[in-house]
Structure formats: C-alpha cells, structure tokens
Amino acid sequence: SLCCLSCHNRFSDIELREEEGIPTEEFLESCYAIVPVLDKLGPTVFAPVKMDFVGNIKKINQKFITNKEEFDTLQKIVLHEVNAGVAQVRNSATEALLWLKR
C-alpha cells in the first residue's frame, strides 16, 4: 500500500540539526522514496511530473556529492551558491530545491 512505502524515509522523520538545518542525505532519501508513489498514481499521466521531480533531486545530489562534508545540510548548499553568485543560475541546486518545494 502507498502509506507503507519506505516508511523509514519520511520527511517527518528527518531530525533537524540545531543551527545547521536539514540534513542533505536524509532529505534526498525521502525525495527518492516519493518516486514510486508517482508510478502508482499513474505512470503515464505523472511521467512528466516524475521526470521533473527526479531531475531536481539529481541536481541537488550532484552538488552534494562534490563535497559531502561541506554540503551536509541543504542550508549550507544554498548559502554556498548564494555567496558564489550562482543560486539563481539555471540548474543550480538552489533552483532545484525551490522547484521541489513547489
């Protein structure tokens, strides 16, 4: 059933790190856990949504794997991109995070 899909990867189970924010790796795992739900809802109808969703997850993951220690929280990724002046650049991890939020 849908409610039991990857119960250990729920967003509500992510422990926020005090003053550091949302752990990137756990956030990405929770995002990937949603993908099978989109298939269950309608593999054809939701194909464009799934493709967009997965693409944005991959953008964040690509940034994360460049330096897992430095980018261990989403906030650190965003701050890094803001300071580097690339947060609003197409395909940035920050832009991908905004699309996932929507």
N, C-alpha and C. Protein backbone atom coordinates (compact mmCIF):
# COMPACT_ATOMS: atom_id res chain seq x y z
N SER A 1 0.84 -1.20 0.00
CA SER A 1 0.00 0.00 0.00
C SER A 1 0.87 1.24 0.00
N LEU A 2 0.32 2.35 -0.46
CA LEU A 2 1.08 3.59 -0.58
C LEU A 2 1.55 4.11 0.77
N CYS A 3 0.74 3.96 1.81
CA CYS A 3 1.12 4.54 3.10
C CYS A 3 2.32 3.85 3.72
N CYS A 4 2.62 2.65 3.31
CA CYS A 4 3.75 1.93 3.91
C CYS A 4 5.01 1.99 3.06
N LEU A 5 4.93 2.68 1.93
CA LEU A 5 6.09 2.78 1.07
C LEU A 5 7.23 3.51 1.77
N SER A 6 8.34 2.87 1.95
CA SER A 6 9.53 3.47 2.54
C SER A 6 9.22 4.32 3.77
N CYS A 7 8.57 3.71 4.73
CA CYS A 7 8.17 4.44 5.94
C CYS A 7 9.37 5.02 6.68
N HIS A 8 10.52 4.41 6.53
CA HIS A 8 11.71 4.92 7.23
C HIS A 8 12.30 6.14 6.52
N ASN A 9 11.76 6.50 5.37
CA ASN A 9 12.27 7.64 4.61
C ASN A 9 11.30 8.80 4.57
N ARG A 10 10.48 8.96 5.60
CA ARG A 10 9.51 10.04 5.61
C ARG A 10 10.20 11.36 5.98
N PHE A 11 9.71 12.44 5.39
CA PHE A 11 10.25 13.75 5.71
C PHE A 11 10.08 14.07 7.19
N SER A 12 8.97 13.62 7.76
CA SER A 12 8.70 13.92 9.18
C SER A 12 9.69 13.24 10.12
N ASP A 13 10.41 12.24 9.62
CA ASP A 13 11.39 11.54 10.46
C ASP A 13 12.79 12.19 10.42
N ILE A 14 12.96 13.16 9.55
CA ILE A 14 14.27 13.81 9.44
C ILE A 14 14.49 14.68 10.67
N GLU A 15 15.62 14.45 11.33
CA GLU A 15 15.96 15.25 12.51
C GLU A 15 16.74 16.48 12.07
N LEU A 16 16.19 17.65 12.38
CA LEU A 16 16.87 18.89 12.05
C LEU A 16 18.08 19.06 12.96
N ARG A 17 19.16 19.50 12.37
CA ARG A 17 20.37 19.75 13.14
C ARG A 17 20.32 21.18 13.66
N GLU A 18 20.40 21.32 14.95
CA GLU A 18 20.30 22.64 15.55
C GLU A 18 21.31 23.59 14.94
N GLU A 19 20.84 24.72 14.46
CA GLU A 19 21.63 25.79 13.86
C GLU A 19 22.31 25.38 12.55
N GLU A 20 22.11 24.18 12.09
CA GLU A 20 22.71 23.76 10.83
C GLU A 20 21.64 23.49 9.77
N GLY A 21 20.49 22.97 10.17
CA GLY A 21 19.40 22.78 9.23
C GLY A 21 19.07 21.35 8.87
N ILE A 22 18.60 21.19 7.66
CA ILE A 22 18.09 19.91 7.16
C ILE A 22 19.22 19.08 6.57
N PRO A 23 19.44 17.87 7.08
CA PRO A 23 20.50 17.01 6.53
C PRO A 23 20.22 16.66 5.06
N THR A 24 21.17 16.95 4.21
CA THR A 24 21.00 16.76 2.77
C THR A 24 20.74 15.31 2.40
N GLU A 25 21.55 14.40 2.92
CA GLU A 25 21.42 12.99 2.53
C GLU A 25 20.05 12.42 2.90
N GLU A 26 19.58 12.71 4.11
CA GLU A 26 18.27 12.22 4.53
C GLU A 26 17.14 12.85 3.72
N PHE A 27 17.29 14.12 3.39
CA PHE A 27 16.30 14.80 2.55
C PHE A 27 16.22 14.13 1.18
N LEU A 28 17.37 13.86 0.58
CA LEU A 28 17.39 13.22 -0.74
C LEU A 28 16.78 11.82 -0.69
N GLU A 29 17.06 11.07 0.37
CA GLU A 29 16.47 9.73 0.51
C GLU A 29 14.94 9.83 0.59
N SER A 30 14.44 10.81 1.31
CA SER A 30 12.99 11.00 1.43
C SER A 30 12.38 11.38 0.09
N CYS A 31 13.10 12.20 -0.67
CA CYS A 31 12.62 12.58 -2.01
C CYS A 31 12.53 11.37 -2.92
N TYR A 32 13.60 10.57 -2.94
CA TYR A 32 13.61 9.37 -3.79
C TYR A 32 12.50 8.39 -3.39
N ALA A 33 12.12 8.37 -2.12
CA ALA A 33 11.07 7.47 -1.65
C ALA A 33 9.70 7.83 -2.23
N ILE A 34 9.54 9.06 -2.68
CA ILE A 34 8.27 9.51 -3.27
C ILE A 34 8.10 9.03 -4.71
N VAL A 35 9.20 8.78 -5.39
CA VAL A 35 9.15 8.43 -6.82
C VAL A 35 8.23 7.24 -7.11
N PRO A 36 8.31 6.13 -6.35
CA PRO A 36 7.40 5.01 -6.63
C PRO A 36 5.93 5.38 -6.45
N VAL A 37 5.65 6.33 -5.58
CA VAL A 37 4.26 6.77 -5.37
C VAL A 37 3.72 7.39 -6.66
N LEU A 38 4.54 8.16 -7.35
CA LEU A 38 4.12 8.77 -8.62
C LEU A 38 3.80 7.69 -9.65
N ASP A 39 4.57 6.61 -9.64
CA ASP A 39 4.29 5.50 -10.56
C ASP A 39 2.95 4.84 -10.22
N LYS A 40 2.68 4.70 -8.94
CA LYS A 40 1.41 4.07 -8.51
C LYS A 40 0.21 4.95 -8.88
N LEU A 41 0.40 6.27 -8.81
CA LEU A 41 -0.70 7.19 -9.12
C LEU A 41 -1.05 7.20 -10.60
N GLY A 42 -0.09 6.93 -11.43
CA GLY A 42 -0.35 6.89 -12.86
C GLY A 42 0.94 7.06 -13.63
N PRO A 43 1.54 5.95 -14.06
CA PRO A 43 2.84 6.03 -14.72
C PRO A 43 2.85 6.86 -15.99
N THR A 44 1.73 6.93 -16.68
CA THR A 44 1.67 7.71 -17.91
C THR A 44 1.35 9.17 -17.61
N VAL A 45 0.31 9.38 -16.84
CA VAL A 45 -0.14 10.74 -16.53
C VAL A 45 0.92 11.51 -15.76
N PHE A 46 1.57 10.84 -14.81
CA PHE A 46 2.54 11.52 -13.96
C PHE A 46 3.97 11.43 -14.47
N ALA A 47 4.17 10.89 -15.67
CA ALA A 47 5.53 10.75 -16.21
C ALA A 47 6.27 12.09 -16.29
N PRO A 48 5.64 13.15 -16.80
CA PRO A 48 6.36 14.44 -16.84
C PRO A 48 6.68 14.98 -15.45
N VAL A 49 5.76 14.80 -14.52
CA VAL A 49 5.98 15.25 -13.14
C VAL A 49 7.13 14.47 -12.53
N LYS A 50 7.11 13.16 -12.73
CA LYS A 50 8.17 12.31 -12.19
C LYS A 50 9.53 12.70 -12.78
N MET A 51 9.58 12.93 -14.06
CA MET A 51 10.84 13.28 -14.72
C MET A 51 11.39 14.60 -14.16
N ASP A 52 10.52 15.57 -13.99
CA ASP A 52 10.91 16.86 -13.44
C ASP A 52 11.37 16.72 -11.99
N PHE A 53 10.60 15.97 -11.21
CA PHE A 53 10.90 15.73 -9.80
C PHE A 53 12.27 15.07 -9.64
N VAL A 54 12.48 13.98 -10.36
CA VAL A 54 13.75 13.24 -10.28
C VAL A 54 14.91 14.11 -10.77
N GLY A 55 14.68 14.89 -11.81
CA GLY A 55 15.72 15.79 -12.31
C GLY A 55 16.18 16.78 -11.26
N ASN A 56 15.23 17.33 -10.52
CA ASN A 56 15.59 18.28 -9.46
C ASN A 56 16.30 17.60 -8.29
N ILE A 57 15.89 16.39 -7.96
CA ILE A 57 16.59 15.64 -6.91
C ILE A 57 18.04 15.41 -7.34
N LYS A 58 18.23 15.03 -8.59
CA LYS A 58 19.57 14.75 -9.10
C LYS A 58 20.46 15.99 -9.06
N LYS A 59 19.90 17.17 -9.34
CA LYS A 59 20.69 18.40 -9.29
C LYS A 59 21.21 18.66 -7.88
N ILE A 60 20.37 18.44 -6.90
CA ILE A 60 20.80 18.63 -5.51
C ILE A 60 21.84 17.57 -5.14
N ASN A 61 21.59 16.33 -5.56
CA ASN A 61 22.53 15.25 -5.27
C ASN A 61 23.89 15.50 -5.92
N GLN A 62 23.89 16.01 -7.14
CA GLN A 62 25.16 16.28 -7.83
C GLN A 62 25.99 17.30 -7.06
N LYS A 63 25.33 18.32 -6.51
CA LYS A 63 26.04 19.31 -5.70
C LYS A 63 26.54 18.65 -4.41
N PHE A 64 25.69 17.87 -3.78
CA PHE A 64 26.02 17.21 -2.52
C PHE A 64 27.25 16.32 -2.65
N ILE A 65 27.33 15.52 -3.71
CA ILE A 65 28.43 14.56 -3.84
C ILE A 65 29.77 15.23 -4.18
N THR A 66 29.74 16.51 -4.55
CA THR A 66 31.02 17.19 -4.81
C THR A 66 31.78 17.43 -3.51
N ASN A 67 31.04 17.52 -2.39
CA ASN A 67 31.69 17.71 -1.09
C ASN A 67 30.68 17.40 0.01
N LYS A 68 30.56 16.12 0.34
CA LYS A 68 29.53 15.67 1.29
C LYS A 68 29.69 16.28 2.68
N GLU A 69 30.93 16.55 3.09
CA GLU A 69 31.14 17.16 4.41
C GLU A 69 30.69 18.61 4.41
N GLU A 70 31.08 19.36 3.39
CA GLU A 70 30.73 20.79 3.33
C GLU A 70 29.24 20.99 3.09
N PHE A 71 28.64 20.14 2.30
CA PHE A 71 27.24 20.30 1.91
C PHE A 71 26.32 19.31 2.64
N ASP A 72 26.62 19.05 3.90
CA ASP A 72 25.84 18.07 4.66
C ASP A 72 24.43 18.56 5.04
N THR A 73 24.14 19.85 4.84
CA THR A 73 22.77 20.34 5.03
C THR A 73 22.36 21.15 3.81
N LEU A 74 21.06 21.21 3.58
CA LEU A 74 20.54 21.98 2.46
C LEU A 74 20.89 23.46 2.60
N GLN A 75 20.85 23.96 3.83
CA GLN A 75 21.16 25.36 4.07
C GLN A 75 22.59 25.69 3.64
N LYS A 76 23.52 24.79 3.89
CA LYS A 76 24.92 25.03 3.50
C LYS A 76 25.07 25.07 1.99
N ILE A 77 24.31 24.25 1.29
CA ILE A 77 24.34 24.28 -0.17
C ILE A 77 23.83 25.62 -0.68
N VAL A 78 22.69 26.05 -0.16
CA VAL A 78 22.09 27.31 -0.60
C VAL A 78 23.02 28.48 -0.28
N LEU A 79 23.55 28.53 0.94
CA LEU A 79 24.45 29.63 1.31
C LEU A 79 25.69 29.65 0.42
N HIS A 80 26.22 28.48 0.12
CA HIS A 80 27.39 28.40 -0.77
C HIS A 80 27.05 28.97 -2.15
N GLU A 81 25.91 28.58 -2.69
CA GLU A 81 25.53 29.06 -4.02
C GLU A 81 25.19 30.55 -4.02
N VAL A 82 24.58 31.03 -2.95
CA VAL A 82 24.29 32.47 -2.84
C VAL A 82 25.61 33.25 -2.80
N ASN A 83 26.54 32.82 -1.97
CA ASN A 83 27.83 33.50 -1.86
C ASN A 83 28.64 33.44 -3.14
N ALA A 84 28.47 32.36 -3.89
CA ALA A 84 29.19 32.21 -5.17
C ALA A 84 28.47 32.93 -6.31
N GLY A 85 27.27 33.43 -6.03
CA GLY A 85 26.51 34.15 -7.06
C GLY A 85 25.87 33.25 -8.10
N VAL A 86 25.65 31.99 -7.75
CA VAL A 86 25.07 31.05 -8.73
C VAL A 86 23.72 30.49 -8.30
N ALA A 87 23.17 31.00 -7.20
CA ALA A 87 21.91 30.45 -6.69
C ALA A 87 20.76 30.58 -7.68
N GLN A 88 20.77 31.64 -8.48
CA GLN A 88 19.68 31.86 -9.43
C GLN A 88 20.00 31.36 -10.83
N VAL A 89 21.14 30.72 -10.97
CA VAL A 89 21.54 30.17 -12.26
C VAL A 89 20.71 28.93 -12.56
N ARG A 90 20.33 28.79 -13.82
CA ARG A 90 19.57 27.60 -14.23
C ARG A 90 20.36 26.35 -13.86
N ASN A 91 19.67 25.36 -13.35
CA ASN A 91 20.24 24.07 -12.94
C ASN A 91 21.04 24.13 -11.63
N SER A 92 20.96 25.23 -10.90
CA SER A 92 21.63 25.26 -9.61
C SER A 92 20.85 24.38 -8.63
N ALA A 93 21.53 23.94 -7.58
CA ALA A 93 20.87 23.13 -6.55
C ALA A 93 19.80 23.96 -5.84
N THR A 94 20.05 25.25 -5.68
CA THR A 94 19.09 26.14 -5.03
C THR A 94 17.81 26.23 -5.85
N GLU A 95 17.94 26.40 -7.17
CA GLU A 95 16.76 26.44 -8.04
C GLU A 95 16.01 25.10 -7.99
N ALA A 96 16.76 24.00 -7.98
CA ALA A 96 16.14 22.68 -7.92
C ALA A 96 15.35 22.51 -6.61
N LEU A 97 15.91 23.01 -5.52
CA LEU A 97 15.24 22.93 -4.23
C LEU A 97 13.94 23.74 -4.24
N LEU A 98 13.97 24.90 -4.86
CA LEU A 98 12.74 25.71 -4.98
C LEU A 98 11.68 24.97 -5.77
N TRP A 99 12.07 24.31 -6.86
CA TRP A 99 11.09 23.56 -7.66
C TRP A 99 10.53 22.37 -6.89
N LEU A 100 11.37 21.70 -6.10
CA LEU A 100 10.89 20.58 -5.31
C LEU A 100 9.88 21.06 -4.27
N LYS A 101 10.13 22.22 -3.71
CA LYS A 101 9.22 22.79 -2.72
C LYS A 101 7.83 23.02 -3.32
N ARG A 102 7.81 23.43 -4.57
CA ARG A 102 6.54 23.71 -5.24
C ARG A 102 5.78 22.43 -5.51
